């Protein structure tokens, strides 16, 4: 059975290499979320994503993603 964890993030207002570098400079991890409604540029705080990455080595992991300006996705 897969473990379920919550992960909080936010939608990046801008996309592209410059925007991703700016996120990294602020100590955030940039990413892209793919779904039925299209793609979204997102970012996560290192302190929020680090425990999730450590749990991912233990098998299957279900992530409940909560974006600050879009509710739960």
PDB file of N, CA and C in Angstrom:
ATOM      1  N   UNK A   1       0.850  -1.183   0.000  1.00  0.00           N
ATOM      2  CA  UNK A   1       0.000   0.000   0.000  1.00  0.00           C
ATOM      3  C   UNK A   1       0.891   1.240   0.000  1.00  0.00           C
ATOM      4  N   UNK A   2       0.521   2.217  -0.779  1.00  0.00           N
ATOM      5  CA  UNK A   2       1.308   3.446  -0.904  1.00  0.00           C
ATOM      6  C   UNK A   2       1.080   4.362   0.298  1.00  0.00           C
ATOM      7  N   UNK A   3       2.138   5.002   0.726  1.00  0.00           N
ATOM      8  CA  UNK A   3       2.017   6.019   1.771  1.00  0.00           C
ATOM      9  C   UNK A   3       1.492   7.297   1.145  1.00  0.00           C
ATOM     10  N   UNK A   4       0.730   8.077   1.915  1.00  0.00           N
ATOM     11  CA  UNK A   4       0.229   9.359   1.436  1.00  0.00           C
ATOM     12  C   UNK A   4       0.862  10.472   2.264  1.00  0.00           C
ATOM     13  N   UNK A   5       1.421  11.460   1.584  1.00  0.00           N
ATOM     14  CA  UNK A   5       2.017  12.612   2.255  1.00  0.00           C
ATOM     15  C   UNK A   5       1.473  13.891   1.626  1.00  0.00           C
ATOM     16  N   UNK A   6       1.459  14.962   2.399  1.00  0.00           N
ATOM     17  CA  UNK A   6       1.026  16.261   1.894  1.00  0.00           C
ATOM     18  C   UNK A   6       2.243  17.094   1.536  1.00  0.00           C
ATOM     19  N   UNK A   7       2.114  17.859   0.471  1.00  0.00           N
ATOM     20  CA  UNK A   7       3.193  18.740   0.032  1.00  0.00           C
ATOM     21  C   UNK A   7       2.585  20.082  -0.328  1.00  0.00           C
ATOM     22  N   UNK A   8       3.089  21.141   0.296  1.00  0.00           N
ATOM     23  CA  UNK A   8       2.604  22.485   0.018  1.00  0.00           C
ATOM     24  C   UNK A   8       3.554  23.180  -0.948  1.00  0.00           C
ATOM     25  N   UNK A   9       2.971  23.886  -1.895  1.00  0.00           N
ATOM     26  CA  UNK A   9       3.759  24.616  -2.880  1.00  0.00           C
ATOM     27  C   UNK A   9       2.992  25.830  -3.348  1.00  0.00           C
ATOM     28  N   UNK A  10       3.544  26.498  -4.330  1.00  0.00           N
ATOM     29  CA  UNK A  10       2.861  27.653  -4.903  1.00  0.00           C
ATOM     30  C   UNK A  10       3.075  27.666  -6.410  1.00  0.00           C
ATOM     31  N   UNK A  11       2.160  28.329  -7.097  1.00  0.00           N
ATOM     32  CA  UNK A  11       2.263  28.466  -8.542  1.00  0.00           C
ATOM     33  C   UNK A  11       3.219  29.614  -8.837  1.00  0.00           C
ATOM     34  N   UNK A  12       4.164  29.366  -9.748  1.00  0.00           N
ATOM     35  CA  UNK A  12       5.087  30.438 -10.141  1.00  0.00           C
ATOM     36  C   UNK A  12       4.374  31.365 -11.117  1.00  0.00           C
ATOM     37  N   UNK A  13       4.484  32.666 -10.904  1.00  0.00           N
ATOM     38  CA  UNK A  13       3.801  33.602 -11.807  1.00  0.00           C
ATOM     39  C   UNK A  13       4.425  33.649 -13.199  1.00  0.00           C
ATOM     40  N   UNK A  14       5.700  33.332 -13.300  1.00  0.00           N
ATOM     41  CA  UNK A  14       6.381  33.368 -14.591  1.00  0.00           C
ATOM     42  C   UNK A  14       7.013  32.016 -14.871  1.00  0.00           C
ATOM     43  N   UNK A  15       7.178  31.722 -16.159  1.00  0.00           N
ATOM     44  CA  UNK A  15       7.798  30.461 -16.564  1.00  0.00           C
ATOM     45  C   UNK A  15       9.078  30.748 -17.327  1.00  0.00           C
ATOM     46  N   UNK A  16       9.889  29.735 -17.490  1.00  0.00           N
ATOM     47  CA  UNK A  16      11.120  29.872 -18.248  1.00  0.00           C
ATOM     48  C   UNK A  16      12.348  29.729 -17.385  1.00  0.00           C
ATOM     49  N   UNK A  17      13.491  29.748 -18.052  1.00  0.00           N
ATOM     50  CA  UNK A  17      14.767  29.541 -17.378  1.00  0.00           C
ATOM     51  C   UNK A  17      15.077  30.654 -16.381  1.00  0.00           C
ATOM     52  N   UNK A  18      14.839  31.899 -16.753  1.00  0.00           N
ATOM     53  CA  UNK A  18      15.125  33.010 -15.842  1.00  0.00           C
ATOM     54  C   UNK A  18      14.272  32.928 -14.587  1.00  0.00           C
ATOM     55  N   UNK A  19      13.005  32.589 -14.751  1.00  0.00           N
ATOM     56  CA  UNK A  19      12.107  32.476 -13.601  1.00  0.00           C
ATOM     57  C   UNK A  19      12.532  31.322 -12.689  1.00  0.00           C
ATOM     58  N   UNK A  20      12.965  30.208 -13.278  1.00  0.00           N
ATOM     59  CA  UNK A  20      13.423  29.064 -12.481  1.00  0.00           C
ATOM     60  C   UNK A  20      14.698  29.420 -11.712  1.00  0.00           C
ATOM     61  N   UNK A  21      15.607  30.133 -12.351  1.00  0.00           N
ATOM     62  CA  UNK A  21      16.835  30.556 -11.667  1.00  0.00           C
ATOM     63  C   UNK A  21      16.517  31.520 -10.532  1.00  0.00           C
ATOM     64  N   UNK A  22      15.545  32.405 -10.744  1.00  0.00           N
ATOM     65  CA  UNK A  22      15.147  33.340  -9.691  1.00  0.00           C
ATOM     66  C   UNK A  22      14.548  32.593  -8.497  1.00  0.00           C
ATOM     67  N   UNK A  23      13.767  31.545  -8.767  1.00  0.00           N
ATOM     68  CA  UNK A  23      13.211  30.722  -7.688  1.00  0.00           C
ATOM     69  C   UNK A  23      14.317  30.048  -6.893  1.00  0.00           C
ATOM     70  N   UNK A  24      15.306  29.498  -7.608  1.00  0.00           N
ATOM     71  CA  UNK A  24      16.432  28.842  -6.922  1.00  0.00           C
ATOM     72  C   UNK A  24      17.213  29.833  -6.073  1.00  0.00           C
ATOM     73  N   UNK A  25      17.360  31.062  -6.562  1.00  0.00           N
ATOM     74  CA  UNK A  25      18.087  32.089  -5.808  1.00  0.00           C
ATOM     75  C   UNK A  25      17.372  32.427  -4.494  1.00  0.00           C
ATOM     76  N   UNK A  26      16.062  32.242  -4.471  1.00  0.00           N
ATOM     77  CA  UNK A  26      15.280  32.486  -3.255  1.00  0.00           C
ATOM     78  C   UNK A  26      15.209  31.266  -2.347  1.00  0.00           C
ATOM     79  N   UNK A  27      15.880  30.187  -2.742  1.00  0.00           N
ATOM     80  CA  UNK A  27      15.887  28.970  -1.931  1.00  0.00           C
ATOM     81  C   UNK A  27      14.685  28.076  -2.183  1.00  0.00           C
ATOM     82  N   UNK A  28      14.061  28.200  -3.348  1.00  0.00           N
ATOM     83  CA  UNK A  28      12.910  27.387  -3.704  1.00  0.00           C
ATOM     84  C   UNK A  28      13.288  26.388  -4.791  1.00  0.00           C
ATOM     85  N   UNK A  29      12.533  25.302  -4.873  1.00  0.00           N
ATOM     86  CA  UNK A  29      12.746  24.284  -5.891  1.00  0.00           C
ATOM     87  C   UNK A  29      11.674  24.468  -6.966  1.00  0.00           C
ATOM     88  N   UNK A  30      12.055  24.847  -8.195  1.00  0.00           N
ATOM     89  CA  UNK A  30      11.060  25.004  -9.256  1.00  0.00           C
ATOM     90  C   UNK A  30      10.680  23.656  -9.860  1.00  0.00           C
ATOM     91  N   UNK A  31       9.478  23.585 -10.414  1.00  0.00           N
ATOM     92  CA  UNK A  31       9.037  22.357 -11.056  1.00  0.00           C
ATOM     93  C   UNK A  31       7.887  22.626 -12.006  1.00  0.00           C
ATOM     94  N   UNK A  32       7.477  21.590 -12.708  1.00  0.00           N
ATOM     95  CA  UNK A  32       6.354  21.660 -13.630  1.00  0.00           C
ATOM     96  C   UNK A  32       5.368  20.556 -13.246  1.00  0.00           C
ATOM     97  N   UNK A  33       4.094  20.912 -13.150  1.00  0.00           N
ATOM     98  CA  UNK A  33       3.046  19.947 -12.837  1.00  0.00           C
ATOM     99  C   UNK A  33       2.220  19.731 -14.109  1.00  0.00           C
ATOM    100  N   UNK A  34       2.121  18.471 -14.541  1.00  0.00           N
ATOM    101  CA  UNK A  34       1.362  18.113 -15.729  1.00  0.00           C
ATOM    102  C   UNK A  34       0.028  17.513 -15.305  1.00  0.00           C
ATOM    103  N   UNK A  35      -1.049  17.887 -15.991  1.00  0.00           N
ATOM    104  CA  UNK A  35      -2.358  17.350 -15.651  1.00  0.00           C
ATOM    105  C   UNK A  35      -3.341  17.513 -16.791  1.00  0.00           C
ATOM    106  N   UNK A  36      -4.579  17.102 -16.542  1.00  0.00           N
ATOM    107  CA  UNK A  36      -5.625  17.176 -17.557  1.00  0.00           C
ATOM    108  C   UNK A  36      -5.951  18.616 -17.935  1.00  0.00           C
ATOM    109  N   UNK A  37      -5.773  19.534 -17.004  1.00  0.00           N
ATOM    110  CA  UNK A  37      -6.097  20.941 -17.253  1.00  0.00           C
ATOM    111  C   UNK A  37      -4.910  21.720 -17.813  1.00  0.00           C
ATOM    112  N   UNK A  38      -3.872  21.036 -18.198  1.00  0.00           N
ATOM    113  CA  UNK A  38      -2.697  21.697 -18.752  1.00  0.00           C
ATOM    114  C   UNK A  38      -1.506  21.612 -17.811  1.00  0.00           C
ATOM    115  N   UNK A  39      -0.481  22.385 -18.110  1.00  0.00           N
ATOM    116  CA  UNK A  39       0.719  22.385 -17.283  1.00  0.00           C
ATOM    117  C   UNK A  39       0.750  23.639 -16.422  1.00  0.00           C
ATOM    118  N   UNK A  40       1.416  23.530 -15.280  1.00  0.00           N
ATOM    119  CA  UNK A  40       1.574  24.653 -14.371  1.00  0.00           C
ATOM    120  C   UNK A  40       3.011  24.696 -13.871  1.00  0.00           C
ATOM    121  N   UNK A  41       3.551  25.890 -13.811  1.00  0.00           N
ATOM    122  CA  UNK A  41       4.870  26.081 -13.207  1.00  0.00           C
ATOM    123  C   UNK A  41       4.656  26.242 -11.709  1.00  0.00           C
ATOM    124  N   UNK A  42       5.337  25.424 -10.921  1.00  0.00           N
ATOM    125  CA  UNK A  42       5.172  25.438  -9.469  1.00  0.00           C
ATOM    126  C   UNK A  42       6.535  25.584  -8.798  1.00  0.00           C
ATOM    127  N   UNK A  43       6.507  25.870  -7.506  1.00  0.00           N
ATOM    128  CA  UNK A  43       7.742  25.934  -6.723  1.00  0.00           C
ATOM    129  C   UNK A  43       7.450  25.466  -5.309  1.00  0.00           C
ATOM    130  N   UNK A  44       8.489  24.898  -4.687  1.00  0.00           N
ATOM    131  CA  UNK A  44       8.367  24.332  -3.348  1.00  0.00           C
ATOM    132  C   UNK A  44       9.524  24.804  -2.493  1.00  0.00           C
ATOM    133  N   UNK A  45       9.263  25.010  -1.207  1.00  0.00           N
ATOM    134  CA  UNK A  45      10.336  25.328  -0.266  1.00  0.00           C
ATOM    135  C   UNK A  45      11.139  24.054  -0.002  1.00  0.00           C
ATOM    136  N   UNK A  46      12.430  24.217   0.155  1.00  0.00           N
ATOM    137  CA  UNK A  46      13.296  23.051   0.392  1.00  0.00           C
ATOM    138  C   UNK A  46      12.860  22.299   1.643  1.00  0.00           C
ATOM    139  N   UNK A  47      12.476  23.028   2.686  1.00  0.00           N
ATOM    140  CA  UNK A  47      12.086  22.375   3.939  1.00  0.00           C
ATOM    141  C   UNK A  47      10.818  21.543   3.777  1.00  0.00           C
ATOM    142  N   UNK A  48       9.967  21.888   2.789  1.00  0.00           N
ATOM    143  CA  UNK A  48       8.738  21.129   2.557  1.00  0.00           C
ATOM    144  C   UNK A  48       8.969  19.903   1.676  1.00  0.00           C
ATOM    145  N   UNK A  49       9.852  20.006   0.707  1.00  0.00           N
ATOM    146  CA  UNK A  49      10.024  18.906  -0.251  1.00  0.00           C
ATOM    147  C   UNK A  49      11.071  17.876   0.203  1.00  0.00           C
ATOM    148  N   UNK A  50      11.989  18.266   1.056  1.00  0.00           N
ATOM    149  CA  UNK A  50      13.048  17.362   1.487  1.00  0.00           C
ATOM    150  C   UNK A  50      12.519  16.086   2.148  1.00  0.00           C
ATOM    151  N   UNK A  51      11.587  16.163   3.108  1.00  0.00           N
ATOM    152  CA  UNK A  51      11.071  14.914   3.703  1.00  0.00           C
ATOM    153  C   UNK A  51      10.358  14.026   2.695  1.00  0.00           C
ATOM    154  N   UNK A  52       9.693  14.616   1.711  1.00  0.00           N
ATOM    155  CA  UNK A  52       8.998  13.835   0.688  1.00  0.00           C
ATOM    156  C   UNK A  52      10.005  13.065  -0.160  1.00  0.00           C
ATOM    157  N   UNK A  53      11.102  13.701  -0.503  1.00  0.00           N
ATOM    158  CA  UNK A  53      12.125  13.026  -1.306  1.00  0.00           C
ATOM    159  C   UNK A  53      12.764  11.876  -0.537  1.00  0.00           C
ATOM    160  N   UNK A  54      12.928  12.016   0.771  1.00  0.00           N
ATOM    161  CA  UNK A  54      13.497  10.932   1.566  1.00  0.00           C
ATOM    162  C   UNK A  54      12.524   9.757   1.684  1.00  0.00           C
ATOM    163  N   UNK A  55      11.228  10.048   1.745  1.00  0.00           N
ATOM    164  CA  UNK A  55      10.234   8.975   1.821  1.00  0.00           C
ATOM    165  C   UNK A  55      10.088   8.236   0.501  1.00  0.00           C
ATOM    166  N   UNK A  56      10.405   8.907  -0.606  1.00  0.00           N
ATOM    167  CA  UNK A  56      10.201   8.292  -1.916  1.00  0.00           C
ATOM    168  C   UNK A  56      11.107   7.095  -2.160  1.00  0.00           C
ATOM    169  N   UNK A  57      12.142   6.918  -1.370  1.00  0.00           N
ATOM    170  CA  UNK A  57      13.039   5.780  -1.550  1.00  0.00           C
ATOM    171  C   UNK A  57      12.492   4.513  -0.897  1.00  0.00           C
ATOM    172  N   UNK A  58      11.386   4.628  -0.158  1.00  0.00           N
ATOM    173  CA  UNK A  58      10.840   3.490   0.569  1.00  0.00           C
ATOM    174  C   UNK A  58       9.772   2.727  -0.199  1.00  0.00           C
ATOM    175  N   UNK A  59       9.503   3.080  -1.437  1.00  0.00           N
ATOM    176  CA  UNK A  59       8.482   2.387  -2.217  1.00  0.00           C
ATOM    177  C   UNK A  59       7.532   3.380  -2.851  1.00  0.00           C
ATOM    178  N   UNK A  60       6.282   2.961  -3.009  1.00  0.00           N
ATOM    179  CA  UNK A  60       5.287   3.824  -3.637  1.00  0.00           C
ATOM    180  C   UNK A  60       4.876   4.953  -2.700  1.00  0.00           C
ATOM    181  N   UNK A  61       4.634   6.113  -3.285  1.00  0.00           N
ATOM    182  CA  UNK A  61       4.294   7.292  -2.494  1.00  0.00           C
ATOM    183  C   UNK A  61       3.224   8.085  -3.232  1.00  0.00           C
ATOM    184  N   UNK A  62       2.141   8.398  -2.544  1.00  0.00           N
ATOM    185  CA  UNK A  62       1.060   9.205  -3.086  1.00  0.00           C
ATOM    186  C   UNK A  62       1.191  10.599  -2.487  1.00  0.00           C
ATOM    187  N   UNK A  63       1.253  11.632  -3.337  1.00  0.00           N
ATOM    188  CA  UNK A  63       1.464  12.999  -2.859  1.00  0.00           C
ATOM    189  C   UNK A  63       0.182  13.795  -3.010  1.00  0.00           C
ATOM    190  N   UNK A  64      -0.298  14.339  -1.894  1.00  0.00           N
ATOM    191  CA  UNK A  64      -1.457  15.222  -1.885  1.00  0.00           C
ATOM    192  C   UNK A  64      -0.904  16.642  -2.011  1.00  0.00           C
ATOM    193  N   UNK A  65      -0.992  17.197  -3.209  1.00  0.00           N
ATOM    194  CA  UNK A  65      -0.378  18.487  -3.508  1.00  0.00           C
ATOM    195  C   UNK A  65      -1.344  19.620  -3.208  1.00  0.00           C
ATOM    196  N   UNK A  66      -0.901  20.575  -2.398  1.00  0.00           N
ATOM    197  CA  UNK A  66      -1.715  21.746  -2.060  1.00  0.00           C
ATOM    198  C   UNK A  66      -0.983  22.998  -2.543  1.00  0.00           C
ATOM    199  N   UNK A  67      -1.586  23.688  -3.514  1.00  0.00           N
ATOM    200  CA  UNK A  67      -1.006  24.908  -4.042  1.00  0.00           C
ATOM    201  C   UNK A  67      -1.671  26.103  -3.396  1.00  0.00           C
ATOM    202  N   UNK A  68      -0.891  27.086  -2.986  1.00  0.00           N
ATOM    203  CA  UNK A  68      -1.417  28.173  -2.170  1.00  0.00           C
ATOM    204  C   UNK A  68      -2.468  29.029  -2.849  1.00  0.00           C
ATOM    205  N   UNK A  69      -2.453  29.167  -4.162  1.00  0.00           N
ATOM    206  CA  UNK A  69      -3.451  30.013  -4.807  1.00  0.00           C
ATOM    207  C   UNK A  69      -4.462  29.248  -5.638  1.00  0.00           C
ATOM    208  N   UNK A  70      -4.394  27.925  -5.597  1.00  0.00           N
ATOM    209  CA  UNK A  70      -5.326  27.139  -6.415  1.00  0.00           C
ATOM    210  C   UNK A  70      -6.056  26.070  -5.625  1.00  0.00           C
ATOM    211  N   UNK A  71      -5.910  26.040  -4.315  1.00  0.00           N
ATOM    212  CA  UNK A  71      -6.546  24.976  -3.534  1.00  0.00           C
ATOM    213  C   UNK A  71      -5.860  23.652  -3.778  1.00  0.00           C
ATOM    214  N   UNK A  72      -6.555  22.565  -3.538  1.00  0.00           N
ATOM    215  CA  UNK A  72      -5.954  21.241  -3.757  1.00  0.00           C
ATOM    216  C   UNK A  72      -6.108  20.822  -5.193  1.00  0.00           C
ATOM    217  N   UNK A  73      -5.042  20.242  -5.736  1.00  0.00           N
ATOM    218  CA  UNK A  73      -5.057  19.752  -7.115  1.00  0.00           C
ATOM    219  C   UNK A  73      -4.781  18.269  -7.120  1.00  0.00           C
TER     220      UNK A  73
END
